[in-house]
Amino acid sequence: MDDPVPEKEKANWLNELLKVQENIANKRTSAMENKIYEVLVEGYGKDGRLSGRTEGNVIIEFMGDNSLIGQYVNVKVTATRNWIAFGELANL
């Protein structure tokens, strides 16, 4: 059976959906700024930063050494993008 929906229309729908999801992700990460989160350090992300995840599965990248990999650390979020947050180690 042929698909009655043209590929171009499907692509338009997908793009609309992705825009909505990007807005949701942006609001979620923007709300994290200037707050401290416990992060499980998983390894290195881009640009030599350590990368870890919060309890809510949000990725946060920050500067630190490899001895932190596998550890929980507190990170203060200083900047965000749609899908990722950036921060610095928090001294509590």
C-alpha atoms as a PDB file:
ATOM      1  CA  MET A   1       0.000   0.000   0.000  1.00  0.00           C
ATOM      2  CA  ASP A   2       1.334   3.426  -0.922  1.00  0.00           C
ATOM      3  CA  ASP A   3       1.923   6.067   1.722  1.00  0.00           C
ATOM      4  CA  PRO A   4      -0.572   8.917   1.200  1.00  0.00           C
ATOM      5  CA  VAL A   5       1.663  11.447   3.021  1.00  0.00           C
ATOM      6  CA  PRO A   6       4.370  12.988   0.818  1.00  0.00           C
ATOM      7  CA  GLU A   7       7.976  12.856   2.080  1.00  0.00           C
ATOM      8  CA  LYS A   8       8.215  16.653   2.032  1.00  0.00           C
ATOM      9  CA  GLU A   9       5.218  16.942   4.364  1.00  0.00           C
ATOM     10  CA  LYS A  10       6.730  14.355   6.709  1.00  0.00           C
ATOM     11  CA  ALA A  11       9.988  16.304   6.772  1.00  0.00           C
ATOM     12  CA  ASN A  12       8.090  19.506   7.618  1.00  0.00           C
ATOM     13  CA  TRP A  13       6.298  17.781  10.488  1.00  0.00           C
ATOM     14  CA  LEU A  14       9.570  16.400  11.809  1.00  0.00           C
ATOM     15  CA  ASN A  15      11.199  19.843  11.672  1.00  0.00           C
ATOM     16  CA  GLU A  16       8.250  21.368  13.569  1.00  0.00           C
ATOM     17  CA  LEU A  17       8.520  18.655  16.205  1.00  0.00           C
ATOM     18  CA  LEU A  18      12.278  19.150  16.551  1.00  0.00           C
ATOM     19  CA  LYS A  19      11.812  22.908  17.060  1.00  0.00           C
ATOM     20  CA  VAL A  20       9.312  22.268  19.845  1.00  0.00           C
ATOM     21  CA  GLN A  21      11.651  19.742  21.477  1.00  0.00           C
ATOM     22  CA  GLU A  22      14.606  22.138  21.247  1.00  0.00           C
ATOM     23  CA  ASN A  23      12.547  24.818  23.012  1.00  0.00           C
ATOM     24  CA  ILE A  24      11.648  22.359  25.767  1.00  0.00           C
ATOM     25  CA  ALA A  25      15.287  21.319  26.180  1.00  0.00           C
ATOM     26  CA  ASN A  26      16.429  24.944  26.205  1.00  0.00           C
ATOM     27  CA  LYS A  27      13.962  25.846  28.963  1.00  0.00           C
ATOM     28  CA  ARG A  28      15.029  22.790  30.963  1.00  0.00           C
ATOM     29  CA  THR A  29      18.744  23.546  30.824  1.00  0.00           C
ATOM     30  CA  SER A  30      18.330  27.331  31.190  1.00  0.00           C
ATOM     31  CA  ALA A  31      16.529  26.744  34.486  1.00  0.00           C
ATOM     32  CA  MET A  32      19.679  24.983  35.740  1.00  0.00           C
ATOM     33  CA  GLU A  33      21.929  28.055  35.538  1.00  0.00           C
ATOM     34  CA  ASN A  34      23.547  29.204  38.799  1.00  0.00           C
ATOM     35  CA  LYS A  35      22.445  26.041  40.608  1.00  0.00           C
ATOM     36  CA  ILE A  36      24.584  23.230  41.985  1.00  0.00           C
ATOM     37  CA  TYR A  37      24.041  19.607  40.926  1.00  0.00           C
ATOM     38  CA  GLU A  38      25.533  16.322  41.965  1.00  0.00           C
ATOM     39  CA  VAL A  39      27.116  14.825  38.853  1.00  0.00           C
ATOM     40  CA  LEU A  40      28.478  11.352  38.166  1.00  0.00           C
ATOM     41  CA  VAL A  41      31.642  11.966  36.142  1.00  0.00           C
ATOM     42  CA  GLU A  42      31.698   9.594  33.162  1.00  0.00           C
ATOM     43  CA  GLY A  43      34.736  10.698  31.174  1.00  0.00           C
ATOM     44  CA  TYR A  44      35.784  13.429  28.810  1.00  0.00           C
ATOM     45  CA  GLY A  45      33.512  15.455  26.583  1.00  0.00           C
ATOM     46  CA  LYS A  46      34.536  17.967  23.973  1.00  0.00           C
ATOM     47  CA  ASP A  47      37.436  20.378  24.331  1.00  0.00           C
ATOM     48  CA  GLY A  48      39.058  18.358  27.127  1.00  0.00           C
ATOM     49  CA  ARG A  49      36.308  19.000  29.660  1.00  0.00           C
ATOM     50  CA  LEU A  50      35.067  16.284  31.967  1.00  0.00           C
ATOM     51  CA  SER A  51      31.545  15.138  31.244  1.00  0.00           C
ATOM     52  CA  GLY A  52      28.986  13.732  33.619  1.00  0.00           C
ATOM     53  CA  ARG A  53      25.275  13.359  34.166  1.00  0.00           C
ATOM     54  CA  THR A  54      22.896  14.623  36.777  1.00  0.00           C
ATOM     55  CA  GLU A  55      20.280  12.468  38.429  1.00  0.00           C
ATOM     56  CA  GLY A  56      17.896  13.837  35.774  1.00  0.00           C
ATOM     57  CA  ASN A  57      20.243  12.597  32.999  1.00  0.00           C
ATOM     58  CA  VAL A  58      21.349  16.070  31.900  1.00  0.00           C
ATOM     59  CA  ILE A  59      24.922  16.214  30.629  1.00  0.00           C
ATOM     60  CA  ILE A  60      27.181  18.775  32.304  1.00  0.00           C
ATOM     61  CA  GLU A  61      30.715  19.467  31.100  1.00  0.00           C
ATOM     62  CA  PHE A  62      33.314  21.110  33.332  1.00  0.00           C
ATOM     63  CA  MET A  63      37.073  21.365  33.845  1.00  0.00           C
ATOM     64  CA  GLY A  64      38.755  18.860  36.110  1.00  0.00           C
ATOM     65  CA  ASP A  65      41.288  16.046  36.127  1.00  0.00           C
ATOM     66  CA  ASN A  66      40.775  12.400  35.286  1.00  0.00           C
ATOM     67  CA  SER A  67      40.948  11.328  38.945  1.00  0.00           C
ATOM     68  CA  LEU A  68      37.306  12.457  39.167  1.00  0.00           C
ATOM     69  CA  ILE A  69      36.072   9.900  36.611  1.00  0.00           C
ATOM     70  CA  GLY A  70      33.710   7.485  38.326  1.00  0.00           C
ATOM     71  CA  GLN A  71      33.164   9.874  41.245  1.00  0.00           C
ATOM     72  CA  TYR A  72      30.222  12.032  42.240  1.00  0.00           C
ATOM     73  CA  VAL A  73      31.081  15.728  42.357  1.00  0.00           C
ATOM     74  CA  ASN A  74      29.125  18.927  42.876  1.00  0.00           C
ATOM     75  CA  VAL A  75      29.062  21.200  39.840  1.00  0.00           C
ATOM     76  CA  LYS A  76      27.677  24.732  39.592  1.00  0.00           C
ATOM     77  CA  VAL A  77      26.092  25.342  36.184  1.00  0.00           C
ATOM     78  CA  THR A  78      27.432  28.535  34.623  1.00  0.00           C
ATOM     79  CA  ALA A  79      26.107  28.312  31.048  1.00  0.00           C
ATOM     80  CA  THR A  80      23.738  26.203  28.988  1.00  0.00           C
ATOM     81  CA  ARG A  81      22.832  25.235  25.460  1.00  0.00           C
ATOM     82  CA  ASN A  82      19.764  23.369  24.292  1.00  0.00           C
ATOM     83  CA  TRP A  83      20.952  19.903  25.228  1.00  0.00           C
ATOM     84  CA  ILE A  84      23.922  20.434  27.513  1.00  0.00           C
ATOM     85  CA  ALA A  85      25.072  22.462  30.500  1.00  0.00           C
ATOM     86  CA  PHE A  86      28.528  23.785  31.347  1.00  0.00           C
ATOM     87  CA  GLY A  87      29.827  24.434  34.814  1.00  0.00           C
ATOM     88  CA  GLU A  88      32.612  24.493  37.330  1.00  0.00           C
ATOM     89  CA  LEU A  89      33.410  22.390  40.358  1.00  0.00           C
ATOM     90  CA  ALA A  90      31.532  23.732  43.372  1.00  0.00           C
ATOM     91  CA  ASN A  91      33.248  24.136  46.694  1.00  0.00           C
ATOM     92  CA  LEU A  92      30.701  23.263  49.330  1.00  0.00           C
END
